[in-house]
Amino acid sequence: MPKLKTHKGTAKRIKLTSTGKLTRRRAFGAHLLAKKSKSRKRAIQTTAVVKGGTAKNIKRALGA
């Protein structure tokens, strides 16, 4: 079976940690920030961990 190509769109958005977890950025932090509370904006800045079946599919797309 041939090698799988890395999905470059996924590679730019998701980082694989040394322990094998997948981290991603959160949505809704790009614009219209005046109406959002400070605590909400801080929560948006933090990274999130991808879990479950989605993580399995993403790892395949990354070739990991």
Protein backbone atom coordinates (compact mmCIF):
# COMPACT_ATOMS: atom_id res chain seq x y z
CA MET A 1 0.00 0.00 0.00
CA PRO A 2 1.41 3.46 -0.88
CA LYS A 3 2.21 6.15 1.65
CA LEU A 4 -0.61 8.52 2.58
CA LYS A 5 -0.12 12.20 1.89
CA THR A 6 -0.46 14.64 4.77
CA HIS A 7 -3.62 16.75 4.58
CA LYS A 8 -2.00 20.19 4.61
CA GLY A 9 -5.14 22.08 5.68
CA THR A 10 -5.37 19.90 8.77
CA ALA A 11 -1.63 20.13 9.46
CA LYS A 12 -1.83 23.94 9.58
CA ARG A 13 -4.67 23.91 12.12
CA ILE A 14 -3.89 21.00 14.46
CA LYS A 15 -0.73 20.22 16.40
CA LEU A 16 0.28 16.75 17.55
CA THR A 17 1.80 16.82 21.05
CA SER A 18 4.65 14.61 22.20
CA THR A 19 2.21 12.38 24.11
CA GLY A 20 0.11 11.85 20.97
CA LYS A 21 -2.74 14.21 21.81
CA LEU A 22 -4.14 16.62 19.23
CA THR A 23 -4.53 20.31 20.10
CA ARG A 24 -6.55 22.87 18.17
CA ARG A 25 -7.59 26.51 18.44
CA ARG A 26 -11.08 27.50 19.49
CA ALA A 27 -13.57 29.25 17.22
CA PHE A 28 -15.27 32.67 17.56
CA GLY A 29 -12.17 34.71 18.48
CA ALA A 30 -11.45 36.51 15.23
CA HIS A 31 -13.93 39.42 15.19
CA LEU A 32 -17.01 40.91 16.88
CA LEU A 33 -15.17 40.82 20.20
CA ALA A 34 -16.70 43.93 21.78
CA LYS A 35 -19.88 42.12 22.76
CA LYS A 36 -18.07 39.13 24.27
CA SER A 37 -17.13 39.10 27.94
CA LYS A 38 -13.50 39.09 29.07
CA SER A 39 -13.81 35.63 30.57
CA ARG A 40 -15.32 34.30 27.34
CA LYS A 41 -12.53 35.84 25.28
CA ARG A 42 -9.89 34.32 27.59
CA ALA A 43 -11.53 30.91 27.23
CA ILE A 44 -11.47 31.27 23.44
CA GLN A 45 -7.69 31.93 23.52
CA THR A 46 -6.90 28.59 25.17
CA THR A 47 -6.24 25.48 23.10
CA ALA A 48 -8.59 22.51 23.12
CA VAL A 49 -7.86 18.79 22.88
CA VAL A 50 -9.50 16.79 20.08
CA LYS A 51 -11.07 13.55 21.35
CA GLY A 52 -12.86 10.44 20.17
CA GLY A 53 -13.45 9.31 16.62
CA THR A 54 -12.62 12.76 15.27
CA ALA A 55 -9.10 12.47 16.67
CA LYS A 56 -8.67 9.10 14.97
CA ASN A 57 -9.66 10.57 11.60
CA ILE A 58 -7.40 13.59 12.06
CA LYS A 59 -4.40 11.43 12.98
CA ARG A 60 -4.95 9.49 9.76
CA ALA A 61 -5.10 12.78 7.81
CA LEU A 62 -1.83 13.89 9.42
CA GLY A 63 -0.15 10.59 8.67
CA ALA A 64 0.60 9.98 12.35
